């Protein structure tokens, strides 16, 4: 039985076709590297660790601020998209054909375009058309534009979820709910 193990640092002839012996080679005690040989100059490694220890609090602070902004945007989007999606779904279930057509076209347009394009359009387009920035300056303006575009995008998706749920109810259950006064 042939083995892939290497005897004395030499591979078996013709097997394997790539130098697997470098991976499977078991070093002897004499061939072990010291820490200085592995990491090069020890003072350079110490300097790198020292620089990282000064920069890590700054990096963690920035990550925590970004995480807080993400959570804030998530909850604002959820609070705005759920009720707006319900209103849009009622429009798409309407008996009035122009309203039904308009809401279905709106949902199809929003669901058919990427969110990144919507973010760019909602942030830049009003300024190009009106000649001034309607969102305000700084971080609050960017957050407002992002929140509105996220709300509209997710409201379109939620409206389809609501519409599908409402239309999936059997007629008998609707009649039973009406009899019970629901």
C-alpha atoms as a PDB file:
ATOM      1  CA  UNK A   1       0.000   0.000   0.000  1.00  0.00           C
ATOM      2  CA  UNK A   2       1.429   3.348  -1.036  1.00  0.00           C
ATOM      3  CA  UNK A   3       1.348   6.231   1.395  1.00  0.00           C
ATOM      4  CA  UNK A   4       1.314   9.966   0.763  1.00  0.00           C
ATOM      5  CA  UNK A   5       3.592  10.495   3.716  1.00  0.00           C
ATOM      6  CA  UNK A   6       7.101  11.570   2.976  1.00  0.00           C
ATOM      7  CA  UNK A   7      10.149   9.692   4.049  1.00  0.00           C
ATOM      8  CA  UNK A   8      13.051  11.945   4.995  1.00  0.00           C
ATOM      9  CA  UNK A   9      11.632  15.002   3.219  1.00  0.00           C
ATOM     10  CA  UNK A  10      11.470  13.432  -0.251  1.00  0.00           C
ATOM     11  CA  UNK A  11       8.187  12.795  -2.058  1.00  0.00           C
ATOM     12  CA  UNK A  12       7.178   9.497  -3.565  1.00  0.00           C
ATOM     13  CA  UNK A  13       8.198   9.343  -7.194  1.00  0.00           C
ATOM     14  CA  UNK A  14       5.423  10.473  -9.557  1.00  0.00           C
ATOM     15  CA  UNK A  15       2.824  10.879  -6.820  1.00  0.00           C
ATOM     16  CA  UNK A  16       1.264  13.370  -6.283  1.00  0.00           C
ATOM     17  CA  UNK A  17       1.789  15.631  -9.308  1.00  0.00           C
ATOM     18  CA  UNK A  18       2.142  18.781  -7.140  1.00  0.00           C
ATOM     19  CA  UNK A  19       4.624  19.232  -4.297  1.00  0.00           C
ATOM     20  CA  UNK A  20       2.407  17.865  -1.548  1.00  0.00           C
ATOM     21  CA  UNK A  21       5.488  16.894   0.384  1.00  0.00           C
ATOM     22  CA  UNK A  22       5.894  20.538   1.361  1.00  0.00           C
ATOM     23  CA  UNK A  23       2.502  20.394   3.068  1.00  0.00           C
ATOM     24  CA  UNK A  24       2.854  16.944   4.613  1.00  0.00           C
ATOM     25  CA  UNK A  25       6.492  17.246   5.599  1.00  0.00           C
ATOM     26  CA  UNK A  26       6.984  16.668   9.308  1.00  0.00           C
ATOM     27  CA  UNK A  27       9.888  18.854  10.367  1.00  0.00           C
ATOM     28  CA  UNK A  28      12.515  17.502  12.680  1.00  0.00           C
ATOM     29  CA  UNK A  29      13.632  19.404  15.756  1.00  0.00           C
ATOM     30  CA  UNK A  30      16.618  20.822  13.899  1.00  0.00           C
ATOM     31  CA  UNK A  31      14.451  22.334  11.132  1.00  0.00           C
ATOM     32  CA  UNK A  32      12.031  24.196  13.398  1.00  0.00           C
ATOM     33  CA  UNK A  33      12.058  27.936  12.955  1.00  0.00           C
ATOM     34  CA  UNK A  34      12.517  30.325  15.785  1.00  0.00           C
ATOM     35  CA  UNK A  35      10.007  33.130  16.319  1.00  0.00           C
ATOM     36  CA  UNK A  36      12.491  35.690  15.012  1.00  0.00           C
ATOM     37  CA  UNK A  37      12.990  33.688  11.813  1.00  0.00           C
ATOM     38  CA  UNK A  38       9.243  33.312  11.266  1.00  0.00           C
ATOM     39  CA  UNK A  39       8.297  36.941  11.908  1.00  0.00           C
ATOM     40  CA  UNK A  40      11.430  38.627  10.625  1.00  0.00           C
ATOM     41  CA  UNK A  41      12.659  41.434  12.792  1.00  0.00           C
ATOM     42  CA  UNK A  42      11.058  41.185  16.230  1.00  0.00           C
ATOM     43  CA  UNK A  43      11.062  44.978  16.821  1.00  0.00           C
ATOM     44  CA  UNK A  44       9.077  45.469  13.592  1.00  0.00           C
ATOM     45  CA  UNK A  45       6.423  43.042  14.853  1.00  0.00           C
ATOM     46  CA  UNK A  46       6.307  44.786  18.202  1.00  0.00           C
ATOM     47  CA  UNK A  47       5.906  48.147  16.448  1.00  0.00           C
ATOM     48  CA  UNK A  48       3.039  46.779  14.354  1.00  0.00           C
ATOM     49  CA  UNK A  49       1.280  45.430  17.460  1.00  0.00           C
ATOM     50  CA  UNK A  50       1.777  48.754  19.220  1.00  0.00           C
ATOM     51  CA  UNK A  51       0.302  50.715  16.279  1.00  0.00           C
ATOM     52  CA  UNK A  52      -2.665  48.351  16.116  1.00  0.00           C
ATOM     53  CA  UNK A  53      -3.310  48.694  19.838  1.00  0.00           C
ATOM     54  CA  UNK A  54      -3.570  52.479  19.413  1.00  0.00           C
ATOM     55  CA  UNK A  55      -5.829  52.240  16.371  1.00  0.00           C
ATOM     56  CA  UNK A  56      -8.217  49.500  17.506  1.00  0.00           C
ATOM     57  CA  UNK A  57     -10.247  51.720  19.887  1.00  0.00           C
ATOM     58  CA  UNK A  58     -10.763  54.185  17.035  1.00  0.00           C
ATOM     59  CA  UNK A  59     -11.847  51.396  14.691  1.00  0.00           C
ATOM     60  CA  UNK A  60     -14.226  49.864  17.254  1.00  0.00           C
ATOM     61  CA  UNK A  61     -15.740  53.279  17.983  1.00  0.00           C
ATOM     62  CA  UNK A  62     -16.415  53.840  14.265  1.00  0.00           C
ATOM     63  CA  UNK A  63     -17.894  50.347  13.925  1.00  0.00           C
ATOM     64  CA  UNK A  64     -20.185  50.927  16.902  1.00  0.00           C
ATOM     65  CA  UNK A  65     -21.387  54.246  15.455  1.00  0.00           C
ATOM     66  CA  UNK A  66     -22.107  52.558  12.113  1.00  0.00           C
ATOM     67  CA  UNK A  67     -23.949  49.735  13.847  1.00  0.00           C
ATOM     68  CA  UNK A  68     -26.066  52.277  15.734  1.00  0.00           C
ATOM     69  CA  UNK A  69     -26.934  54.078  12.502  1.00  0.00           C
ATOM     70  CA  UNK A  70     -27.852  50.773  10.869  1.00  0.00           C
ATOM     71  CA  UNK A  71     -30.177  49.852  13.735  1.00  0.00           C
ATOM     72  CA  UNK A  72     -31.763  53.297  13.664  1.00  0.00           C
ATOM     73  CA  UNK A  73     -32.340  53.052   9.904  1.00  0.00           C
ATOM     74  CA  UNK A  74     -33.795  49.550  10.342  1.00  0.00           C
ATOM     75  CA  UNK A  75     -36.351  50.597  12.955  1.00  0.00           C
ATOM     76  CA  UNK A  76     -37.327  53.791  11.109  1.00  0.00           C
ATOM     77  CA  UNK A  77     -37.780  51.766   7.906  1.00  0.00           C
ATOM     78  CA  UNK A  78     -39.848  49.133   9.674  1.00  0.00           C
ATOM     79  CA  UNK A  79     -42.048  51.722  11.391  1.00  0.00           C
ATOM     80  CA  UNK A  80     -42.730  53.474   8.097  1.00  0.00           C
ATOM     81  CA  UNK A  81     -42.878  50.565   5.645  1.00  0.00           C
ATOM     82  CA  UNK A  82     -45.345  48.304   7.455  1.00  0.00           C
ATOM     83  CA  UNK A  83     -48.303  50.749   7.543  1.00  0.00           C
ATOM     84  CA  UNK A  84     -47.484  52.210   4.110  1.00  0.00           C
ATOM     85  CA  UNK A  85     -47.357  48.691   2.663  1.00  0.00           C
ATOM     86  CA  UNK A  86     -50.802  47.963   4.092  1.00  0.00           C
ATOM     87  CA  UNK A  87     -52.216  51.133   2.512  1.00  0.00           C
ATOM     88  CA  UNK A  88     -50.624  50.282  -0.849  1.00  0.00           C
ATOM     89  CA  UNK A  89     -52.010  46.740  -0.678  1.00  0.00           C
ATOM     90  CA  UNK A  90     -55.507  48.125  -0.108  1.00  0.00           C
ATOM     91  CA  UNK A  91     -54.986  50.256  -3.211  1.00  0.00           C
ATOM     92  CA  UNK A  92     -53.968  47.245  -5.269  1.00  0.00           C
ATOM     93  CA  UNK A  93     -57.070  45.359  -4.044  1.00  0.00           C
ATOM     94  CA  UNK A  94     -59.356  48.283  -4.814  1.00  0.00           C
ATOM     95  CA  UNK A  95     -62.472  47.891  -6.968  1.00  0.00           C
ATOM     96  CA  UNK A  96     -61.645  51.250  -8.626  1.00  0.00           C
ATOM     97  CA  UNK A  97     -59.598  50.236 -11.731  1.00  0.00           C
ATOM     98  CA  UNK A  98     -57.430  53.384 -12.112  1.00  0.00           C
ATOM     99  CA  UNK A  99     -56.312  53.205  -8.467  1.00  0.00           C
ATOM    100  CA  UNK A 100     -55.654  49.472  -8.741  1.00  0.00           C
ATOM    101  CA  UNK A 101     -53.687  49.970 -11.970  1.00  0.00           C
ATOM    102  CA  UNK A 102     -51.692  52.886 -10.514  1.00  0.00           C
ATOM    103  CA  UNK A 103     -50.700  51.040  -7.323  1.00  0.00           C
ATOM    104  CA  UNK A 104     -49.757  47.866  -9.212  1.00  0.00           C
ATOM    105  CA  UNK A 105     -47.613  49.884 -11.629  1.00  0.00           C
ATOM    106  CA  UNK A 106     -45.959  51.648  -8.686  1.00  0.00           C
ATOM    107  CA  UNK A 107     -45.223  48.346  -6.931  1.00  0.00           C
ATOM    108  CA  UNK A 108     -43.915  46.803 -10.139  1.00  0.00           C
ATOM    109  CA  UNK A 109     -41.649  49.780 -10.782  1.00  0.00           C
ATOM    110  CA  UNK A 110     -40.253  49.860  -7.254  1.00  0.00           C
ATOM    111  CA  UNK A 111     -39.752  46.095  -7.054  1.00  0.00           C
ATOM    112  CA  UNK A 112     -38.210  46.039 -10.534  1.00  0.00           C
ATOM    113  CA  UNK A 113     -35.418  48.540  -9.868  1.00  0.00           C
ATOM    114  CA  UNK A 114     -32.400  47.969  -7.636  1.00  0.00           C
ATOM    115  CA  UNK A 115     -32.395  49.639  -4.239  1.00  0.00           C
ATOM    116  CA  UNK A 116     -29.049  51.306  -4.942  1.00  0.00           C
ATOM    117  CA  UNK A 117     -30.518  53.074  -7.987  1.00  0.00           C
ATOM    118  CA  UNK A 118     -33.501  54.166  -5.894  1.00  0.00           C
ATOM    119  CA  UNK A 119     -31.165  55.573  -3.231  1.00  0.00           C
ATOM    120  CA  UNK A 120     -29.296  57.592  -5.842  1.00  0.00           C
ATOM    121  CA  UNK A 121     -32.521  58.837  -7.457  1.00  0.00           C
ATOM    122  CA  UNK A 122     -34.152  59.835  -4.155  1.00  0.00           C
ATOM    123  CA  UNK A 123     -31.049  61.662  -2.965  1.00  0.00           C
ATOM    124  CA  UNK A 124     -29.902  63.448  -6.141  1.00  0.00           C
ATOM    125  CA  UNK A 125     -32.952  63.815  -8.398  1.00  0.00           C
ATOM    126  CA  UNK A 126     -34.916  66.402  -6.331  1.00  0.00           C
ATOM    127  CA  UNK A 127     -31.821  68.604  -6.179  1.00  0.00           C
ATOM    128  CA  UNK A 128     -31.334  68.378  -9.933  1.00  0.00           C
ATOM    129  CA  UNK A 129     -34.972  69.186 -10.722  1.00  0.00           C
ATOM    130  CA  UNK A 130     -35.608  71.878  -8.097  1.00  0.00           C
ATOM    131  CA  UNK A 131     -32.106  73.338  -8.086  1.00  0.00           C
ATOM    132  CA  UNK A 132     -31.683  72.957  -4.329  1.00  0.00           C
ATOM    133  CA  UNK A 133     -31.135  70.152  -1.839  1.00  0.00           C
ATOM    134  CA  UNK A 134     -34.466  69.296  -0.203  1.00  0.00           C
ATOM    135  CA  UNK A 135     -32.985  66.822   2.285  1.00  0.00           C
ATOM    136  CA  UNK A 136     -30.840  69.254   4.212  1.00  0.00           C
ATOM    137  CA  UNK A 137     -27.104  69.127   4.662  1.00  0.00           C
ATOM    138  CA  UNK A 138     -24.917  66.770   6.590  1.00  0.00           C
ATOM    139  CA  UNK A 139     -25.681  63.443   8.105  1.00  0.00           C
ATOM    140  CA  UNK A 140     -29.352  64.130   8.842  1.00  0.00           C
ATOM    141  CA  UNK A 141     -30.088  64.906   5.199  1.00  0.00           C
ATOM    142  CA  UNK A 142     -28.419  61.722   4.006  1.00  0.00           C
ATOM    143  CA  UNK A 143     -30.203  59.698   6.685  1.00  0.00           C
ATOM    144  CA  UNK A 144     -33.577  61.186   5.746  1.00  0.00           C
ATOM    145  CA  UNK A 145     -33.117  60.435   2.051  1.00  0.00           C
ATOM    146  CA  UNK A 146     -31.958  56.893   2.813  1.00  0.00           C
ATOM    147  CA  UNK A 147     -34.846  56.298   5.220  1.00  0.00           C
ATOM    148  CA  UNK A 148     -37.457  57.498   2.724  1.00  0.00           C
ATOM    149  CA  UNK A 149     -36.047  55.394  -0.091  1.00  0.00           C
ATOM    150  CA  UNK A 150     -35.862  52.321   2.169  1.00  0.00           C
ATOM    151  CA  UNK A 151     -39.430  52.918   3.382  1.00  0.00           C
ATOM    152  CA  UNK A 152     -40.796  53.170  -0.146  1.00  0.00           C
ATOM    153  CA  UNK A 153     -38.840  50.133  -1.327  1.00  0.00           C
ATOM    154  CA  UNK A 154     -39.862  47.880   1.540  1.00  0.00           C
ATOM    155  CA  UNK A 155     -43.448  49.171   1.528  1.00  0.00           C
ATOM    156  CA  UNK A 156     -43.763  47.868  -2.032  1.00  0.00           C
ATOM    157  CA  UNK A 157     -42.546  44.445  -0.926  1.00  0.00           C
ATOM    158  CA  UNK A 158     -44.760  44.436   2.171  1.00  0.00           C
ATOM    159  CA  UNK A 159     -47.772  45.420   0.064  1.00  0.00           C
ATOM    160  CA  UNK A 160     -47.321  42.284  -2.028  1.00  0.00           C
ATOM    161  CA  UNK A 161     -47.092  40.194   1.143  1.00  0.00           C
ATOM    162  CA  UNK A 162     -50.270  41.766   2.539  1.00  0.00           C
ATOM    163  CA  UNK A 163     -52.107  41.475  -0.792  1.00  0.00           C
ATOM    164  CA  UNK A 164     -51.176  37.799  -1.124  1.00  0.00           C
ATOM    165  CA  UNK A 165     -52.294  37.112   2.434  1.00  0.00           C
ATOM    166  CA  UNK A 166     -55.605  38.867   1.976  1.00  0.00           C
ATOM    167  CA  UNK A 167     -56.347  37.178  -1.352  1.00  0.00           C
ATOM    168  CA  UNK A 168     -55.442  33.735  -0.014  1.00  0.00           C
ATOM    169  CA  UNK A 169     -58.322  33.737   2.480  1.00  0.00           C
ATOM    170  CA  UNK A 170     -61.126  31.437   1.377  1.00  0.00           C
ATOM    171  CA  UNK A 171     -64.537  33.014   0.712  1.00  0.00           C
ATOM    172  CA  UNK A 172     -66.107  30.974   3.523  1.00  0.00           C
ATOM    173  CA  UNK A 173     -63.772  32.474   6.103  1.00  0.00           C
ATOM    174  CA  UNK A 174     -64.518  35.994   4.867  1.00  0.00           C
ATOM    175  CA  UNK A 175     -68.257  35.340   5.169  1.00  0.00           C
ATOM    176  CA  UNK A 176     -67.839  33.842   8.642  1.00  0.00           C
ATOM    177  CA  UNK A 177     -65.867  36.904   9.732  1.00  0.00           C
ATOM    178  CA  UNK A 178     -68.571  39.216   8.424  1.00  0.00           C
ATOM    179  CA  UNK A 179     -71.261  37.244  10.276  1.00  0.00           C
ATOM    180  CA  UNK A 180     -69.254  37.575  13.512  1.00  0.00           C
ATOM    181  CA  UNK A 181     -68.920  41.315  12.961  1.00  0.00           C
ATOM    182  CA  UNK A 182     -65.242  41.378  12.086  1.00  0.00           C
END
